[in-house]
Structure formats: C-alpha cells, structure tokens
Amino acid sequence: MRLKKNDTVTIRVGKDRGKKGKVLKTFPTENRVIVEGINYSTMYLRPNQENPKGGLAKFEAKIQTSNVQLVCPKCSKPTRIGHQILADGTKQRICKQCQEII
C-alpha cells in the first residue's frame, strides 16, 4: 500500500469528489483507507441501558484506495507516488511531478 497514516489525500470519485482529508487508518489487505471527514455512513442505534432513546450515529466508512490520490506536501498537487532507493539503501516515496521526497 502506497498510502500511510496522516497522508493528505483528495477524493477522485463519488459523492465527496474534490474534497481533501487526512488518512486516519489504513487496511492494506483490503486496499481501503478511512479518511477524516469523508464518506460518512449512518448507523441506526437500538435503545439500550446507556442510550434509552436509541438514535442515529454517523461515522467515517472505508473508501477504496483507487478512489483517492495523495496530495504532495511540497507542490500541493494531487500526484502519483514513485519510489527511489537512496545511497544508504533505504527506500523513499517521491512525488512524480516535482520529484521531491514525501
């Protein structure tokens, strides 16, 4: 998975198209992420001891990684992610547009 926690992403498709948000959690085996303030779902709560009236709860649902795109912190444009091996042998993510390390 190329996205990591705390990355800023933009939404490419769906009801939240064009919005930006921060990645809160990643699910690499499912290729999904949870983005802050994006893809809200409503859950109906049954009445119980701590919530006698029941009600509605809103929460951020998972979104497919193919529907989001990383925003480069340097050039602040949506970009694809490349990889580069540095001289000491470590692997770094780079912006495909400005070639800066992310």
C-alpha atoms as a PDB file:
ATOM      1  CA  MET A   1       0.000   0.000   0.000  1.00  0.00           C
ATOM      2  CA  ARG A   2       1.415   3.365  -1.002  1.00  0.00           C
ATOM      3  CA  LEU A   3      -0.693   5.471   1.378  1.00  0.00           C
ATOM      4  CA  LYS A   4       0.194   5.853   5.034  1.00  0.00           C
ATOM      5  CA  LYS A   5      -1.455   7.244   8.135  1.00  0.00           C
ATOM      6  CA  ASN A   6      -1.534  11.089   8.284  1.00  0.00           C
ATOM      7  CA  ASP A   7      -1.126  11.480   4.499  1.00  0.00           C
ATOM      8  CA  THR A   8      -3.306  14.173   2.940  1.00  0.00           C
ATOM      9  CA  VAL A   9      -5.403  12.812   0.091  1.00  0.00           C
ATOM     10  CA  THR A  10      -8.009  14.119  -2.327  1.00  0.00           C
ATOM     11  CA  ILE A  11     -11.102  12.184  -3.346  1.00  0.00           C
ATOM     12  CA  ARG A  12     -11.358  11.422  -7.071  1.00  0.00           C
ATOM     13  CA  VAL A  13     -14.851   9.898  -7.420  1.00  0.00           C
ATOM     14  CA  GLY A  14     -18.150   9.650  -5.570  1.00  0.00           C
ATOM     15  CA  LYS A  15     -20.287  11.979  -3.509  1.00  0.00           C
ATOM     16  CA  ASP A  16     -17.239  13.607  -1.857  1.00  0.00           C
ATOM     17  CA  ARG A  17     -15.333  14.220  -5.102  1.00  0.00           C
ATOM     18  CA  GLY A  18     -12.790  17.049  -4.858  1.00  0.00           C
ATOM     19  CA  LYS A  19     -12.635  17.125  -1.054  1.00  0.00           C
ATOM     20  CA  LYS A  20      -9.380  16.755   0.850  1.00  0.00           C
ATOM     21  CA  GLY A  21      -8.792  14.905   4.085  1.00  0.00           C
ATOM     22  CA  LYS A  22      -6.226  13.158   6.255  1.00  0.00           C
ATOM     23  CA  VAL A  23      -5.858   9.358   6.302  1.00  0.00           C
ATOM     24  CA  LEU A  24      -6.851   8.113   9.758  1.00  0.00           C
ATOM     25  CA  LYS A  25      -6.349   4.374   9.272  1.00  0.00           C
ATOM     26  CA  THR A  26      -5.222   2.006   6.514  1.00  0.00           C
ATOM     27  CA  PHE A  27      -6.343  -1.534   5.734  1.00  0.00           C
ATOM     28  CA  PRO A  28      -3.628  -2.975   3.437  1.00  0.00           C
ATOM     29  CA  THR A  29      -5.215  -6.407   2.985  1.00  0.00           C
ATOM     30  CA  GLU A  30      -8.490  -4.828   1.809  1.00  0.00           C
ATOM     31  CA  ASN A  31      -6.867  -1.924  -0.135  1.00  0.00           C
ATOM     32  CA  ARG A  32      -9.032   0.546   1.772  1.00  0.00           C
ATOM     33  CA  VAL A  33      -8.490   3.605   3.956  1.00  0.00           C
ATOM     34  CA  ILE A  34     -10.527   5.737   6.340  1.00  0.00           C
ATOM     35  CA  VAL A  35     -10.274   9.460   5.545  1.00  0.00           C
ATOM     36  CA  GLU A  36     -11.169  12.176   8.057  1.00  0.00           C
ATOM     37  CA  GLY A  37     -14.488  13.871   7.212  1.00  0.00           C
ATOM     38  CA  ILE A  38     -15.133  11.791   4.069  1.00  0.00           C
ATOM     39  CA  ASN A  39     -17.645   9.029   3.213  1.00  0.00           C
ATOM     40  CA  TYR A  40     -19.924   9.364   6.226  1.00  0.00           C
ATOM     41  CA  SER A  41     -22.330   6.487   6.878  1.00  0.00           C
ATOM     42  CA  THR A  42     -25.306   6.415   9.217  1.00  0.00           C
ATOM     43  CA  MET A  43     -25.882   3.631  11.714  1.00  0.00           C
ATOM     44  CA  TYR A  44     -29.186   3.202  13.499  1.00  0.00           C
ATOM     45  CA  LEU A  45     -28.746   2.503  17.222  1.00  0.00           C
ATOM     46  CA  ARG A  46     -31.208   0.380  19.145  1.00  0.00           C
ATOM     47  CA  PRO A  47     -32.302   1.574  22.565  1.00  0.00           C
ATOM     48  CA  ASN A  48     -30.191   0.155  25.409  1.00  0.00           C
ATOM     49  CA  GLN A  49     -29.247   0.929  29.021  1.00  0.00           C
ATOM     50  CA  GLU A  50     -26.791   3.714  28.248  1.00  0.00           C
ATOM     51  CA  ASN A  51     -28.826   5.158  25.345  1.00  0.00           C
ATOM     52  CA  PRO A  52     -32.521   4.616  26.200  1.00  0.00           C
ATOM     53  CA  LYS A  53     -33.877   6.522  23.182  1.00  0.00           C
ATOM     54  CA  GLY A  54     -31.643   4.912  20.551  1.00  0.00           C
ATOM     55  CA  GLY A  55     -30.944   7.187  17.610  1.00  0.00           C
ATOM     56  CA  LEU A  56     -28.562   7.758  14.740  1.00  0.00           C
ATOM     57  CA  ALA A  57     -24.767   7.683  14.716  1.00  0.00           C
ATOM     58  CA  LYS A  58     -22.573   8.989  11.898  1.00  0.00           C
ATOM     59  CA  PHE A  59     -19.112   7.583  11.263  1.00  0.00           C
ATOM     60  CA  GLU A  60     -16.480   7.588   8.518  1.00  0.00           C
ATOM     61  CA  ALA A  61     -16.626   4.436   6.413  1.00  0.00           C
ATOM     62  CA  LYS A  62     -13.780   2.811   4.483  1.00  0.00           C
ATOM     63  CA  ILE A  63     -13.041   4.003   0.954  1.00  0.00           C
ATOM     64  CA  GLN A  64     -11.175   2.183  -1.815  1.00  0.00           C
ATOM     65  CA  THR A  65      -7.564   3.332  -2.286  1.00  0.00           C
ATOM     66  CA  SER A  66      -8.080   3.604  -6.043  1.00  0.00           C
ATOM     67  CA  ASN A  67     -10.608   6.376  -5.374  1.00  0.00           C
ATOM     68  CA  VAL A  68      -8.165   8.613  -3.502  1.00  0.00           C
ATOM     69  CA  GLN A  69      -4.957  10.323  -4.589  1.00  0.00           C
ATOM     70  CA  LEU A  70      -2.095  11.608  -2.473  1.00  0.00           C
ATOM     71  CA  VAL A  71      -1.551  15.381  -2.292  1.00  0.00           C
ATOM     72  CA  CYS A  72       2.149  16.274  -2.351  1.00  0.00           C
ATOM     73  CA  PRO A  73       3.102  18.414   0.683  1.00  0.00           C
ATOM     74  CA  LYS A  74       5.719  20.333  -1.345  1.00  0.00           C
ATOM     75  CA  CYS A  75       3.843  21.253  -4.553  1.00  0.00           C
ATOM     76  CA  SER A  76       0.323  20.753  -3.035  1.00  0.00           C
ATOM     77  CA  LYS A  77      -0.982  18.995  -6.150  1.00  0.00           C
ATOM     78  CA  PRO A  78      -2.592  15.546  -6.414  1.00  0.00           C
ATOM     79  CA  THR A  79       0.145  13.209  -7.565  1.00  0.00           C
ATOM     80  CA  ARG A  80       1.133   9.628  -8.118  1.00  0.00           C
ATOM     81  CA  ILE A  81       3.705   8.072  -5.832  1.00  0.00           C
ATOM     82  CA  GLY A  82       7.057   6.777  -7.000  1.00  0.00           C
ATOM     83  CA  HIS A  83       9.841   5.047  -5.121  1.00  0.00           C
ATOM     84  CA  GLN A  84      13.524   5.872  -5.043  1.00  0.00           C
ATOM     85  CA  ILE A  85      16.389   3.993  -3.414  1.00  0.00           C
ATOM     86  CA  LEU A  86      18.776   6.342  -1.631  1.00  0.00           C
ATOM     87  CA  ALA A  87      22.563   5.940  -1.347  1.00  0.00           C
ATOM     88  CA  ASP A  88      22.305   4.306   2.102  1.00  0.00           C
ATOM     89  CA  GLY A  89      19.907   1.660   0.715  1.00  0.00           C
ATOM     90  CA  THR A  90      16.646   2.998   2.171  1.00  0.00           C
ATOM     91  CA  LYS A  91      13.553   3.245   0.028  1.00  0.00           C
ATOM     92  CA  GLN A  92      11.713   6.606  -0.081  1.00  0.00           C
ATOM     93  CA  ARG A  93       8.414   7.730  -1.591  1.00  0.00           C
ATOM     94  CA  ILE A  94       8.718  10.554  -4.127  1.00  0.00           C
ATOM     95  CA  CYS A  95       6.261  12.843  -5.886  1.00  0.00           C
ATOM     96  CA  LYS A  96       6.033  12.018  -9.606  1.00  0.00           C
ATOM     97  CA  GLN A  97       5.529  15.702 -10.505  1.00  0.00           C
ATOM     98  CA  CYS A  98       8.136  17.617  -8.509  1.00  0.00           C
ATOM     99  CA  GLN A  99      10.469  14.667  -7.711  1.00  0.00           C
ATOM    100  CA  GLU A 100      10.634  15.674  -4.020  1.00  0.00           C
ATOM    101  CA  ILE A 101      10.727  13.136  -1.183  1.00  0.00           C
ATOM    102  CA  ILE A 102       7.358  12.789   0.532  1.00  0.00           C
END
